[in-house]
Amino acid sequence: MKQLLILLFAAFCFTGYTAQTADPVKWHATYKSVSKTEGEIIISATIDKGWHTYSQRETDAGPIPTSFKFTPSKLYSLVGKTTESNAHEEYVKAFEAKIFVFHDKAEFIQKVKLTGKASLITFKVEYMCCNDMMCLPPKILELSVKTQ
């Protein structure tokens, strides 16, 4: 009985702690038309104070880089790779390495060419975020944008 109470207490404490840090990164995507057949998917992340997320740049140091996987479709094609802005390199104590990170906000752009009447483009973003005390497990979110 004592072990059960300890287990329940630990579960309660852990649940309360994770609820406070559940979503330090909020994602939003919009579509910007460049022409009738070309556009840009603008993927924005708002990062809570004290937290950071990582660039798309691969590193051997340890963190999971941010990545995007677009759902294949005959109605659009990707043009080039997803680009990013405002990442800066800093020493991350947890990984004992210099790594490109984002604080406060991040923006990624994927150019697309519409080859049909694509009205919705769906994709997944995988990312990892940390603060000075801990890192949360990598997350995969599904997002979508309307092209019309």
Protein backbone atom coordinates (compact mmCIF):
# COMPACT_ATOMS: atom_id res chain seq x y z
CA MET A 1 0.00 0.00 0.00
CA LYS A 2 2.86 2.35 0.85
CA GLN A 3 4.46 1.71 -2.56
CA LEU A 4 1.16 2.48 -4.29
CA LEU A 5 0.88 5.81 -2.47
CA ILE A 6 4.46 6.72 -3.39
CA LEU A 7 3.80 5.80 -7.02
CA LEU A 8 0.59 7.86 -7.13
CA PHE A 9 2.32 10.83 -5.50
CA ALA A 10 5.21 10.66 -7.98
CA ALA A 11 2.80 10.41 -10.91
CA PHE A 12 0.84 13.41 -9.62
CA CYS A 13 3.99 15.51 -9.20
CA PHE A 14 5.33 14.55 -12.64
CA THR A 15 1.98 15.31 -14.32
CA GLY A 16 1.87 18.78 -12.79
CA TYR A 17 5.45 19.48 -13.83
CA THR A 18 5.00 18.38 -17.43
CA ALA A 19 1.77 20.34 -17.75
CA GLN A 20 3.73 23.53 -17.10
CA THR A 21 6.22 22.77 -19.89
CA ALA A 22 3.96 20.94 -22.33
CA ASP A 23 4.20 23.31 -25.29
CA PRO A 24 7.03 25.83 -25.07
CA VAL A 25 7.01 26.05 -28.90
CA LYS A 26 3.85 27.06 -30.80
CA TRP A 27 3.75 26.44 -34.57
CA HIS A 28 1.76 28.23 -37.26
CA ALA A 29 1.85 27.97 -41.07
CA THR A 30 0.59 30.29 -43.80
CA TYR A 31 0.66 30.24 -47.59
CA LYS A 32 1.92 33.19 -49.63
CA SER A 33 1.07 33.14 -53.33
CA VAL A 34 3.90 34.25 -55.62
CA SER A 35 2.08 33.51 -58.89
CA LYS A 36 -0.81 31.31 -60.06
CA THR A 37 1.41 28.25 -59.88
CA GLU A 38 4.05 29.17 -57.30
CA GLY A 39 3.96 29.96 -53.63
CA GLU A 40 5.74 29.81 -50.30
CA ILE A 41 4.74 27.98 -47.17
CA ILE A 42 5.85 30.13 -44.25
CA ILE A 43 6.23 28.10 -41.07
CA SER A 44 6.61 30.13 -37.89
CA ALA A 45 7.47 29.04 -34.38
CA THR A 46 6.94 31.16 -31.28
CA ILE A 47 9.23 30.00 -28.48
CA ASP A 48 8.52 30.64 -24.81
CA LYS A 49 11.03 32.72 -22.86
CA GLY A 50 13.88 30.62 -21.52
CA TRP A 51 13.44 27.90 -24.15
CA HIS A 52 15.12 27.28 -27.49
CA THR A 53 14.72 24.93 -30.42
CA TYR A 54 17.24 23.77 -32.97
CA SER A 55 18.12 24.59 -36.55
CA GLN A 56 17.69 22.14 -39.43
CA ARG A 57 21.48 21.79 -39.53
CA GLU A 58 22.61 18.29 -38.62
CA THR A 59 25.12 17.95 -35.80
CA ASP A 60 26.89 15.07 -34.12
CA ALA A 61 26.47 16.78 -30.75
CA GLY A 62 23.09 15.29 -29.91
CA PRO A 63 19.99 17.43 -30.38
CA ILE A 64 17.36 16.47 -32.93
CA PRO A 65 17.40 19.08 -35.70
CA THR A 66 14.10 20.60 -36.80
CA SER A 67 12.82 18.81 -39.91
CA PHE A 68 9.82 18.91 -42.21
CA LYS A 69 8.15 16.07 -44.11
CA PHE A 70 5.56 17.12 -46.68
CA THR A 71 2.78 14.71 -47.63
CA PRO A 72 3.41 13.63 -51.24
CA SER A 73 0.83 14.80 -53.78
CA LYS A 74 0.46 15.02 -57.54
CA LEU A 75 -1.06 18.48 -57.01
CA TYR A 76 2.15 20.21 -55.91
CA SER A 77 5.91 19.77 -55.86
CA LEU A 78 8.53 21.15 -53.51
CA VAL A 79 11.01 23.63 -54.99
CA GLY A 80 14.36 23.26 -53.27
CA LYS A 81 14.89 22.64 -49.59
CA THR A 82 13.19 24.31 -46.66
CA THR A 83 15.15 27.44 -45.71
CA GLU A 84 15.40 29.06 -42.30
CA SER A 85 16.16 32.49 -40.93
CA ASN A 86 17.54 33.98 -37.73
CA ALA A 87 19.24 30.87 -36.26
CA HIS A 88 22.40 31.72 -34.40
CA GLU A 89 25.27 29.60 -33.21
CA GLU A 90 25.85 29.32 -29.49
CA TYR A 91 27.50 27.00 -27.02
CA VAL A 92 24.89 24.65 -25.54
CA LYS A 93 26.09 23.33 -22.20
CA ALA A 94 23.83 20.25 -22.26
CA PHE A 95 25.54 19.00 -25.44
CA GLU A 96 28.95 20.59 -24.81
CA ALA A 97 29.01 21.93 -28.37
CA LYS A 98 28.28 24.95 -30.51
CA ILE A 99 24.88 24.45 -32.13
CA PHE A 100 22.57 26.64 -34.23
CA VAL A 101 19.48 27.50 -32.18
CA PHE A 102 16.39 29.71 -32.20
CA HIS A 103 15.21 31.81 -29.26
CA ASP A 104 11.85 33.66 -29.15
CA LYS A 105 10.90 32.86 -32.76
CA ALA A 106 11.91 30.87 -35.80
CA GLU A 107 10.83 31.06 -39.42
CA PHE A 108 11.13 28.47 -42.15
CA ILE A 109 10.11 28.81 -45.81
CA GLN A 110 9.34 26.04 -48.29
CA LYS A 111 8.79 27.06 -51.91
CA VAL A 112 6.19 25.03 -53.82
CA LYS A 113 4.95 24.74 -57.37
CA LEU A 114 1.27 23.93 -57.81
CA THR A 115 0.76 21.32 -60.53
CA GLY A 116 -2.97 20.96 -60.00
CA LYS A 117 -5.74 22.42 -57.88
CA ALA A 118 -4.08 21.76 -54.54
CA SER A 119 -6.18 23.48 -51.92
CA LEU A 120 -4.49 22.00 -48.85
CA ILE A 121 -0.85 21.07 -48.26
CA THR A 122 -0.19 18.93 -45.20
CA PHE A 123 3.17 18.31 -43.57
CA LYS A 124 4.82 17.22 -40.34
CA VAL A 125 7.38 19.12 -38.32
CA GLU A 126 9.71 17.29 -35.96
CA TYR A 127 11.54 19.37 -33.40
CA MET A 128 13.15 19.29 -30.00
CA CYS A 129 13.29 22.07 -27.44
CA CYS A 130 15.35 22.69 -24.34
CA ASN A 131 15.90 25.22 -21.60
CA ASP A 132 18.89 25.60 -19.28
CA MET A 133 17.68 22.76 -17.06
CA MET A 134 16.29 20.10 -19.38
CA CYS A 135 15.30 18.99 -22.85
CA LEU A 136 11.86 17.73 -23.75
CA PRO A 137 11.52 14.63 -25.93
CA PRO A 138 11.29 15.31 -29.68
CA LYS A 139 7.77 16.08 -30.91
CA ILE A 140 6.11 15.54 -34.26
CA LEU A 141 3.22 17.84 -35.18
CA GLU A 142 1.02 17.78 -38.26
CA LEU A 143 0.25 21.14 -39.84
CA SER A 144 -1.50 22.21 -43.03
CA VAL A 145 -1.99 25.33 -45.13
CA LYS A 146 -4.67 26.32 -47.61
CA THR A 147 -3.35 27.47 -50.98
CA GLN A 148 -6.50 29.33 -52.01
